[in-house]
Amino acid sequence: MTYQTSKNSWFSLEVLILDRNNIGDEGVTALSLGHVWENLTTLDLYNNNIGDQGVEALSRNKSWKNLRTLHLSLNQIGAKGATALCGNNAWENLTTLNLFNNKIGYEGAIAFSRSNAWMNLKTLDLGYNDIGDEGAAALSKNKSWKRLEKLRVPWNEISAVGAAALSLNESWTNLSRLDLESNKIDAKGAEALSINKSWTNLSTLNLAANKIDAKGTEALSANKSWTRLTTIILKYNDIGPQGVASLRARWPNIKLA
């Protein structure tokens, strides 16, 4: 099928929100041909039944050089689509990428880790994508996202092994929030995370629902680099009074949730 954009295009368009419209691959392919939208900064395609074919078409767009925010959560994007996205070097101003609840898997995470695109990326949401330990380990090796501030990888089957790999990251020195909720970190993973020395700007750490006990919180409290930590989320764990005490001893003003 041949697509053609209207001659009466919106040259000044900056924000386009089309969430929950079931536009699918055909619709997003048509959108990708909007070459006159050079001022576009935000594109929201949440929950639109978009798969790899549509994202591959989207990634071929080279005219949205001012794009800063791209929402693709709750679609059907797999590793092939994630790899295609990584190949787009035109969106050099992209700061926020949301792929929550897709199907990129560990292969998609590996493709992301090898990307040299998006040098200005500040927020990355890969929650609910089944990236596992292999995907977490791959992400931690990325050296391009030096401005990354928020990383969300909840519901991804990440265990202590993946947590240990993440803790070795040295390039995300601006990271202020890390969300690992509803994984399989446990006490060993908490201990592994605690050895991190590079996330000196970390202010919020979400480890809710990870089977962490008092021993795990004691290990976390041993970290000396997270001097700016103000909030730690440990609900749905089993840290008990002893765990609370160890956290308070390390960070007296910490907000516990």
C-alpha atoms as a PDB file:
ATOM      1  CA  MET A   1       0.000   0.000   0.000  1.00  0.00           C
ATOM      2  CA  THR A   2       1.231   3.503  -0.835  1.00  0.00           C
ATOM      3  CA  TYR A   3       0.917   6.240   1.746  1.00  0.00           C
ATOM      4  CA  GLN A   4       0.863   9.951   1.066  1.00  0.00           C
ATOM      5  CA  THR A   5       0.801  12.738   3.613  1.00  0.00           C
ATOM      6  CA  SER A   6      -1.554  15.666   3.136  1.00  0.00           C
ATOM      7  CA  LYS A   7      -0.336  18.808   1.408  1.00  0.00           C
ATOM      8  CA  ASN A   8      -2.063  20.776   4.159  1.00  0.00           C
ATOM      9  CA  SER A   9       0.322  19.457   6.785  1.00  0.00           C
ATOM     10  CA  TRP A  10       0.788  20.959  10.221  1.00  0.00           C
ATOM     11  CA  PHE A  11       4.229  22.459   9.830  1.00  0.00           C
ATOM     12  CA  SER A  12       4.336  23.764  13.409  1.00  0.00           C
ATOM     13  CA  LEU A  13       3.159  20.543  15.073  1.00  0.00           C
ATOM     14  CA  GLU A  14       5.073  19.881  18.316  1.00  0.00           C
ATOM     15  CA  VAL A  15       2.945  17.354  20.244  1.00  0.00           C
ATOM     16  CA  LEU A  16       1.013  14.419  18.780  1.00  0.00           C
ATOM     17  CA  ILE A  17      -0.948  12.161  21.153  1.00  0.00           C
ATOM     18  CA  LEU A  18      -2.714   9.184  19.612  1.00  0.00           C
ATOM     19  CA  ASP A  19      -2.821   6.711  22.496  1.00  0.00           C
ATOM     20  CA  ARG A  20      -5.450   3.935  22.535  1.00  0.00           C
ATOM     21  CA  ASN A  21      -6.528   4.276  18.914  1.00  0.00           C
ATOM     22  CA  ASN A  22      -5.618   0.837  17.566  1.00  0.00           C
ATOM     23  CA  ILE A  23      -3.762   2.400  14.653  1.00  0.00           C
ATOM     24  CA  GLY A  24      -1.564  -0.683  14.272  1.00  0.00           C
ATOM     25  CA  ASP A  25       1.386  -1.106  11.950  1.00  0.00           C
ATOM     26  CA  GLU A  26      -0.434   0.403   8.988  1.00  0.00           C
ATOM     27  CA  GLY A  27      -1.272   3.583  10.872  1.00  0.00           C
ATOM     28  CA  VAL A  28       2.168   4.109  12.338  1.00  0.00           C
ATOM     29  CA  THR A  29       3.732   3.482   8.935  1.00  0.00           C
ATOM     30  CA  ALA A  30       1.642   6.326   7.552  1.00  0.00           C
ATOM     31  CA  LEU A  31       2.672   8.542  10.477  1.00  0.00           C
ATOM     32  CA  SER A  32       6.333   7.854   9.861  1.00  0.00           C
ATOM     33  CA  LEU A  33       6.021   9.670   6.535  1.00  0.00           C
ATOM     34  CA  GLY A  34       5.216  12.955   8.269  1.00  0.00           C
ATOM     35  CA  HIS A  35       8.475  14.507   7.150  1.00  0.00           C
ATOM     36  CA  VAL A  36       7.272  18.091   7.456  1.00  0.00           C
ATOM     37  CA  TRP A  37       6.812  17.829  11.241  1.00  0.00           C
ATOM     38  CA  GLU A  38      10.313  19.047  11.923  1.00  0.00           C
ATOM     39  CA  ASN A  39       9.208  20.710  15.163  1.00  0.00           C
ATOM     40  CA  LEU A  40       7.725  17.531  16.648  1.00  0.00           C
ATOM     41  CA  THR A  41       8.953  17.067  20.222  1.00  0.00           C
ATOM     42  CA  THR A  42       6.463  14.538  21.664  1.00  0.00           C
ATOM     43  CA  LEU A  43       4.911  11.467  20.067  1.00  0.00           C
ATOM     44  CA  ASP A  44       2.582   9.315  22.182  1.00  0.00           C
ATOM     45  CA  LEU A  45       1.532   5.983  20.657  1.00  0.00           C
ATOM     46  CA  TYR A  46       0.624   4.147  23.870  1.00  0.00           C
ATOM     47  CA  ASN A  47      -1.577   1.059  23.479  1.00  0.00           C
ATOM     48  CA  ASN A  48      -1.995   0.995  19.705  1.00  0.00           C
ATOM     49  CA  ASN A  49      -1.350  -2.621  18.731  1.00  0.00           C
ATOM     50  CA  ILE A  50       1.941  -1.659  17.077  1.00  0.00           C
ATOM     51  CA  GLY A  51       4.345  -4.466  16.242  1.00  0.00           C
ATOM     52  CA  ASP A  52       7.806  -4.806  14.781  1.00  0.00           C
ATOM     53  CA  GLN A  53       6.716  -3.908  11.261  1.00  0.00           C
ATOM     54  CA  GLY A  54       5.289  -0.580  12.384  1.00  0.00           C
ATOM     55  CA  VAL A  55       8.268   0.300  14.540  1.00  0.00           C
ATOM     56  CA  GLU A  56      10.658  -0.540  11.732  1.00  0.00           C
ATOM     57  CA  ALA A  57       8.815   1.978   9.556  1.00  0.00           C
ATOM     58  CA  LEU A  58       8.820   4.522  12.370  1.00  0.00           C
ATOM     59  CA  SER A  59      12.545   4.120  12.876  1.00  0.00           C
ATOM     60  CA  ARG A  60      13.214   5.043   9.270  1.00  0.00           C
ATOM     61  CA  ASN A  61      11.998   8.581   9.897  1.00  0.00           C
ATOM     62  CA  LYS A  62      14.922  10.996   9.756  1.00  0.00           C
ATOM     63  CA  SER A  63      13.125  14.338   9.908  1.00  0.00           C
ATOM     64  CA  TRP A  64      11.995  14.460  13.565  1.00  0.00           C
ATOM     65  CA  LYS A  65      15.330  15.785  14.770  1.00  0.00           C
ATOM     66  CA  ASN A  66      13.659  17.667  17.628  1.00  0.00           C
ATOM     67  CA  LEU A  67      11.860  14.610  19.007  1.00  0.00           C
ATOM     68  CA  ARG A  68      12.411  14.434  22.753  1.00  0.00           C
ATOM     69  CA  THR A  69       9.690  12.120  24.055  1.00  0.00           C
ATOM     70  CA  LEU A  70       8.551   8.857  22.474  1.00  0.00           C
ATOM     71  CA  HIS A  71       5.891   6.721  24.187  1.00  0.00           C
ATOM     72  CA  LEU A  72       5.445   3.222  22.795  1.00  0.00           C
ATOM     73  CA  SER A  73       4.236   1.414  25.917  1.00  0.00           C
ATOM     74  CA  LEU A  74       1.661  -1.392  25.849  1.00  0.00           C
ATOM     75  CA  ASN A  75       2.227  -2.454  22.264  1.00  0.00           C
ATOM     76  CA  GLN A  76       3.551  -5.637  20.621  1.00  0.00           C
ATOM     77  CA  ILE A  77       7.128  -4.583  19.939  1.00  0.00           C
ATOM     78  CA  GLY A  78       9.694  -7.373  19.975  1.00  0.00           C
ATOM     79  CA  ALA A  79      13.462  -7.647  19.659  1.00  0.00           C
ATOM     80  CA  LYS A  80      13.337  -6.919  15.928  1.00  0.00           C
ATOM     81  CA  GLY A  81      11.500  -3.654  16.513  1.00  0.00           C
ATOM     82  CA  ALA A  82      13.821  -2.669  19.347  1.00  0.00           C
ATOM     83  CA  THR A  83      16.824  -3.284  17.107  1.00  0.00           C
ATOM     84  CA  ALA A  84      15.311  -1.090  14.401  1.00  0.00           C
ATOM     85  CA  LEU A  85      14.717   1.737  16.880  1.00  0.00           C
ATOM     86  CA  CYS A  86      18.356   1.605  17.919  1.00  0.00           C
ATOM     87  CA  GLY A  87      19.371   2.162  14.318  1.00  0.00           C
ATOM     88  CA  ASN A  88      17.802   5.607  14.191  1.00  0.00           C
ATOM     89  CA  ASN A  89      20.494   8.224  14.721  1.00  0.00           C
ATOM     90  CA  ALA A  90      18.370  11.178  13.619  1.00  0.00           C
ATOM     91  CA  TRP A  91      16.493  11.511  16.921  1.00  0.00           C
ATOM     92  CA  GLU A  92      19.604  12.834  18.602  1.00  0.00           C
ATOM     93  CA  ASN A  93      17.600  15.006  21.014  1.00  0.00           C
ATOM     94  CA  LEU A  94      15.526  12.121  22.406  1.00  0.00           C
ATOM     95  CA  THR A  95      15.441  12.337  26.214  1.00  0.00           C
ATOM     96  CA  THR A  96      12.531  10.020  27.124  1.00  0.00           C
ATOM     97  CA  LEU A  97      11.790   6.583  25.688  1.00  0.00           C
ATOM     98  CA  ASN A  98       8.943   4.504  27.120  1.00  0.00           C
ATOM     99  CA  LEU A  99       8.606   0.887  26.008  1.00  0.00           C
ATOM    100  CA  PHE A 100       6.800  -0.438  29.081  1.00  0.00           C
ATOM    101  CA  ASN A 101       4.882  -3.683  28.510  1.00  0.00           C
ATOM    102  CA  ASN A 102       6.176  -4.846  25.163  1.00  0.00           C
ATOM    103  CA  LYS A 103       8.034  -8.002  24.137  1.00  0.00           C
ATOM    104  CA  ILE A 104      11.607  -6.919  23.484  1.00  0.00           C
ATOM    105  CA  GLY A 105      13.152  -9.667  25.658  1.00  0.00           C
ATOM    106  CA  TYR A 106      16.847 -10.013  26.355  1.00  0.00           C
ATOM    107  CA  GLU A 107      17.681  -9.737  22.648  1.00  0.00           C
ATOM    108  CA  GLY A 108      16.057  -6.316  22.478  1.00  0.00           C
ATOM    109  CA  ALA A 109      17.922  -5.237  25.607  1.00  0.00           C
ATOM    110  CA  ILE A 110      21.189  -6.371  24.042  1.00  0.00           C
ATOM    111  CA  ALA A 111      20.432  -4.298  20.945  1.00  0.00           C
ATOM    112  CA  PHE A 112      19.816  -1.284  23.178  1.00  0.00           C
ATOM    113  CA  SER A 113      23.059  -1.850  25.039  1.00  0.00           C
ATOM    114  CA  ARG A 114      25.048  -1.743  21.816  1.00  0.00           C
ATOM    115  CA  SER A 115      23.415   1.452  20.610  1.00  0.00           C
ATOM    116  CA  ASN A 116      25.413   4.630  20.177  1.00  0.00           C
ATOM    117  CA  ALA A 117      22.254   6.636  19.516  1.00  0.00           C
ATOM    118  CA  TRP A 118      20.362   8.869  21.898  1.00  0.00           C
ATOM    119  CA  MET A 119      23.326  10.461  23.643  1.00  0.00           C
ATOM    120  CA  ASN A 120      20.887  12.787  25.443  1.00  0.00           C
ATOM    121  CA  LEU A 121      18.631  10.046  26.816  1.00  0.00           C
ATOM    122  CA  LYS A 122      17.543  10.791  30.396  1.00  0.00           C
ATOM    123  CA  THR A 123      14.583   8.454  30.997  1.00  0.00           C
ATOM    124  CA  LEU A 124      14.279   4.859  29.817  1.00  0.00           C
ATOM    125  CA  ASP A 125      11.344   2.604  30.726  1.00  0.00           C
ATOM    126  CA  LEU A 126      11.731  -1.061  29.800  1.00  0.00           C
ATOM    127  CA  GLY A 127       9.409  -2.453  32.448  1.00  0.00           C
ATOM    128  CA  TYR A 128       7.503  -5.676  31.786  1.00  0.00           C
ATOM    129  CA  ASN A 129       9.602  -6.804  28.822  1.00  0.00           C
ATOM    130  CA  ASP A 130      11.053 -10.063  30.123  1.00  0.00           C
ATOM    131  CA  ILE A 131      14.648  -8.941  29.612  1.00  0.00           C
ATOM    132  CA  GLY A 132      15.915 -11.182  32.429  1.00  0.00           C
ATOM    133  CA  ASP A 133      19.430 -11.305  33.811  1.00  0.00           C
ATOM    134  CA  GLU A 134      21.028 -11.368  30.372  1.00  0.00           C
ATOM    135  CA  GLY A 135      19.207  -8.217  29.355  1.00  0.00           C
ATOM    136  CA  ALA A 136      20.062  -6.438  32.603  1.00  0.00           C
ATOM    137  CA  ALA A 137      23.719  -7.372  32.204  1.00  0.00           C
ATOM    138  CA  ALA A 138      23.734  -6.056  28.647  1.00  0.00           C
ATOM    139  CA  LEU A 139      22.122  -2.747  29.595  1.00  0.00           C
ATOM    140  CA  SER A 140      24.693  -2.163  32.311  1.00  0.00           C
ATOM    141  CA  LYS A 141      27.446  -2.184  29.692  1.00  0.00           C
ATOM    142  CA  ASN A 142      26.029   0.711  27.683  1.00  0.00           C
ATOM    143  CA  LYS A 143      28.424   3.645  27.689  1.00  0.00           C
ATOM    144  CA  SER A 144      26.416   6.059  25.524  1.00  0.00           C
ATOM    145  CA  TRP A 145      23.712   7.094  27.994  1.00  0.00           C
ATOM    146  CA  LYS A 146      25.898   9.216  30.212  1.00  0.00           C
ATOM    147  CA  ARG A 147      23.014  11.596  30.905  1.00  0.00           C
ATOM    148  CA  LEU A 148      20.619   8.859  32.002  1.00  0.00           C
ATOM    149  CA  GLU A 149      18.685   9.909  35.106  1.00  0.00           C
ATOM    150  CA  LYS A 150      15.824   7.413  35.384  1.00  0.00           C
ATOM    151  CA  LEU A 151      15.875   3.718  34.551  1.00  0.00           C
ATOM    152  CA  ARG A 152      12.775   1.562  34.991  1.00  0.00           C
ATOM    153  CA  VAL A 153      13.093  -2.210  34.636  1.00  0.00           C
ATOM    154  CA  PRO A 154      10.339  -3.624  36.910  1.00  0.00           C
ATOM    155  CA  TRP A 155       8.624  -6.988  36.214  1.00  0.00           C
ATOM    156  CA  ASN A 156      11.510  -8.360  34.186  1.00  0.00           C
ATOM    157  CA  GLU A 157      12.502 -11.613  35.905  1.00  0.00           C
ATOM    158  CA  ILE A 158      15.782 -10.068  37.069  1.00  0.00           C
ATOM    159  CA  SER A 159      17.466 -12.065  39.829  1.00  0.00           C
ATOM    160  CA  ALA A 160      20.504 -11.458  42.026  1.00  0.00           C
ATOM    161  CA  VAL A 161      22.658 -12.244  38.992  1.00  0.00           C
ATOM    162  CA  GLY A 162      21.160  -9.384  36.993  1.00  0.00           C
ATOM    163  CA  ALA A 163      21.344  -7.053  39.991  1.00  0.00           C
ATOM    164  CA  ALA A 164      25.027  -7.837  40.361  1.00  0.00           C
ATOM    165  CA  ALA A 165      25.602  -6.998  36.708  1.00  0.00           C
ATOM    166  CA  LEU A 166      23.732  -3.695  37.014  1.00  0.00           C
ATOM    167  CA  SER A 167      25.773  -2.717  40.056  1.00  0.00           C
ATOM    168  CA  LEU A 168      28.941  -2.815  37.966  1.00  0.00           C
ATOM    169  CA  ASN A 169      27.753  -0.015  35.712  1.00  0.00           C
ATOM    170  CA  GLU A 170      30.136   2.941  35.744  1.00  0.00           C
ATOM    171  CA  SER A 171      28.712   5.289  33.116  1.00  0.00           C
ATOM    172  CA  TRP A 172      25.322   6.276  34.603  1.00  0.00           C
ATOM    173  CA  THR A 173      26.782   8.811  37.000  1.00  0.00           C
ATOM    174  CA  ASN A 174      23.679  11.029  36.702  1.00  0.00           C
ATOM    175  CA  LEU A 175      21.255   8.247  37.604  1.00  0.00           C
ATOM    176  CA  SER A 176      18.778   9.571  40.185  1.00  0.00           C
ATOM    177  CA  ARG A 177      16.078   6.871  40.099  1.00  0.00           C
ATOM    178  CA  LEU A 178      16.334   3.117  39.636  1.00  0.00           C
ATOM    179  CA  ASP A 179      13.149   1.034  39.572  1.00  0.00           C
ATOM    180  CA  LEU A 180      13.559  -2.726  40.035  1.00  0.00           C
ATOM    181  CA  GLU A 181      10.130  -3.469  41.498  1.00  0.00           C
ATOM    182  CA  SER A 182       8.649  -6.979  41.259  1.00  0.00           C
ATOM    183  CA  ASN A 183      11.753  -8.845  40.199  1.00  0.00           C
ATOM    184  CA  LYS A 184      13.666 -11.613  41.991  1.00  0.00           C
ATOM    185  CA  ILE A 185      16.488  -9.623  43.554  1.00  0.00           C
ATOM    186  CA  ASP A 186      16.350 -11.127  47.111  1.00  0.00           C
ATOM    187  CA  ALA A 187      19.004 -10.520  49.799  1.00  0.00           C
ATOM    188  CA  LYS A 188      21.882 -11.615  47.577  1.00  0.00           C
ATOM    189  CA  GLY A 189      20.824  -9.155  44.893  1.00  0.00           C
ATOM    190  CA  ALA A 190      20.537  -6.357  47.430  1.00  0.00           C
ATOM    191  CA  GLU A 191      24.042  -7.140  48.611  1.00  0.00           C
ATOM    192  CA  ALA A 192      25.268  -7.098  45.008  1.00  0.00           C
ATOM    193  CA  LEU A 193      23.630  -3.732  44.346  1.00  0.00           C
ATOM    194  CA  SER A 194      25.228  -2.276  47.450  1.00  0.00           C
ATOM    195  CA  ILE A 195      28.727  -2.508  45.974  1.00  0.00           C
ATOM    196  CA  ASN A 196      27.898   0.119  43.350  1.00  0.00           C
ATOM    197  CA  LYS A 197      30.152   3.168  43.531  1.00  0.00           C
ATOM    198  CA  SER A 198      29.169   5.210  40.473  1.00  0.00           C
ATOM    199  CA  TRP A 199      25.519   6.154  41.138  1.00  0.00           C
ATOM    200  CA  THR A 200      26.455   9.028  43.410  1.00  0.00           C
ATOM    201  CA  ASN A 201      23.344  11.008  42.415  1.00  0.00           C
ATOM    202  CA  LEU A 202      20.890   8.216  43.202  1.00  0.00           C
ATOM    203  CA  SER A 203      17.967   9.657  45.178  1.00  0.00           C
ATOM    204  CA  THR A 204      15.223   7.015  44.742  1.00  0.00           C
ATOM    205  CA  LEU A 205      15.642   3.241  44.765  1.00  0.00           C
ATOM    206  CA  ASN A 206      12.579   1.056  44.203  1.00  0.00           C
ATOM    207  CA  LEU A 207      13.028  -2.552  45.294  1.00  0.00           C
ATOM    208  CA  ALA A 208       9.411  -3.340  46.151  1.00  0.00           C
ATOM    209  CA  ALA A 209       8.308  -6.993  45.968  1.00  0.00           C
ATOM    210  CA  ASN A 210      11.730  -8.585  45.665  1.00  0.00           C
ATOM    211  CA  LYS A 211      11.872 -11.004  48.625  1.00  0.00           C
ATOM    212  CA  ILE A 212      14.399  -8.853  50.462  1.00  0.00           C
ATOM    213  CA  ASP A 213      14.843  -9.486  54.188  1.00  0.00           C
ATOM    214  CA  ALA A 214      16.640  -7.709  57.028  1.00  0.00           C
ATOM    215  CA  LYS A 215      19.951  -9.128  55.837  1.00  0.00           C
ATOM    216  CA  GLY A 216      19.373  -7.528  52.458  1.00  0.00           C
ATOM    217  CA  THR A 217      18.643  -4.118  53.931  1.00  0.00           C
ATOM    218  CA  GLU A 218      21.713  -4.389  56.115  1.00  0.00           C
ATOM    219  CA  ALA A 219      23.762  -4.969  52.991  1.00  0.00           C
ATOM    220  CA  LEU A 220      22.158  -1.985  51.247  1.00  0.00           C
ATOM    221  CA  SER A 221      22.944   0.181  54.259  1.00  0.00           C
ATOM    222  CA  ALA A 222      26.616  -0.587  53.834  1.00  0.00           C
ATOM    223  CA  ASN A 223      26.782   1.404  50.599  1.00  0.00           C
ATOM    224  CA  LYS A 224      28.873   4.554  51.036  1.00  0.00           C
ATOM    225  CA  SER A 225      28.333   6.110  47.597  1.00  0.00           C
ATOM    226  CA  TRP A 226      24.587   6.813  47.642  1.00  0.00           C
ATOM    227  CA  THR A 227      24.951   9.927  49.754  1.00  0.00           C
ATOM    228  CA  ARG A 228      21.958  11.614  48.073  1.00  0.00           C
ATOM    229  CA  LEU A 229      19.510   8.781  48.624  1.00  0.00           C
ATOM    230  CA  THR A 230      16.254  10.213  50.008  1.00  0.00           C
ATOM    231  CA  THR A 231      13.690   7.503  49.192  1.00  0.00           C
ATOM    232  CA  ILE A 232      13.856   3.731  49.251  1.00  0.00           C
ATOM    233  CA  ILE A 233      10.777   1.675  48.389  1.00  0.00           C
ATOM    234  CA  LEU A 234      10.743  -1.766  49.999  1.00  0.00           C
ATOM    235  CA  LYS A 235       7.036  -2.538  50.338  1.00  0.00           C
ATOM    236  CA  TYR A 236       5.965  -6.169  49.886  1.00  0.00           C
ATOM    237  CA  ASN A 237       9.273  -7.470  51.235  1.00  0.00           C
ATOM    238  CA  ASP A 238      10.137  -8.849  54.669  1.00  0.00           C
ATOM    239  CA  ILE A 239      12.666  -6.431  56.121  1.00  0.00           C
ATOM    240  CA  GLY A 240      11.104  -6.237  59.608  1.00  0.00           C
ATOM    241  CA  PRO A 241      12.083  -3.804  62.389  1.00  0.00           C
ATOM    242  CA  GLN A 242      15.728  -4.791  62.096  1.00  0.00           C
ATOM    243  CA  GLY A 243      15.777  -3.845  58.430  1.00  0.00           C
ATOM    244  CA  VAL A 244      14.181  -0.477  59.140  1.00  0.00           C
ATOM    245  CA  ALA A 245      16.709   0.176  61.888  1.00  0.00           C
ATOM    246  CA  SER A 246      19.692  -0.517  59.644  1.00  0.00           C
ATOM    247  CA  LEU A 247      18.353   1.823  56.971  1.00  0.00           C
ATOM    248  CA  ARG A 248      17.667   4.588  59.495  1.00  0.00           C
ATOM    249  CA  ALA A 249      21.137   4.210  60.936  1.00  0.00           C
ATOM    250  CA  ARG A 250      22.678   4.797  57.497  1.00  0.00           C
ATOM    251  CA  TRP A 251      20.227   7.408  56.195  1.00  0.00           C
ATOM    252  CA  PRO A 252      18.495   9.077  59.202  1.00  0.00           C
ATOM    253  CA  ASN A 253      16.109  11.116  57.043  1.00  0.00           C
ATOM    254  CA  ILE A 254      15.339   8.429  54.492  1.00  0.00           C
ATOM    255  CA  LYS A 255      11.732   8.113  53.304  1.00  0.00           C
ATOM    256  CA  LEU A 256      10.609   4.498  53.526  1.00  0.00           C
ATOM    257  CA  ALA A 257       7.720   3.228  51.431  1.00  0.00           C
END
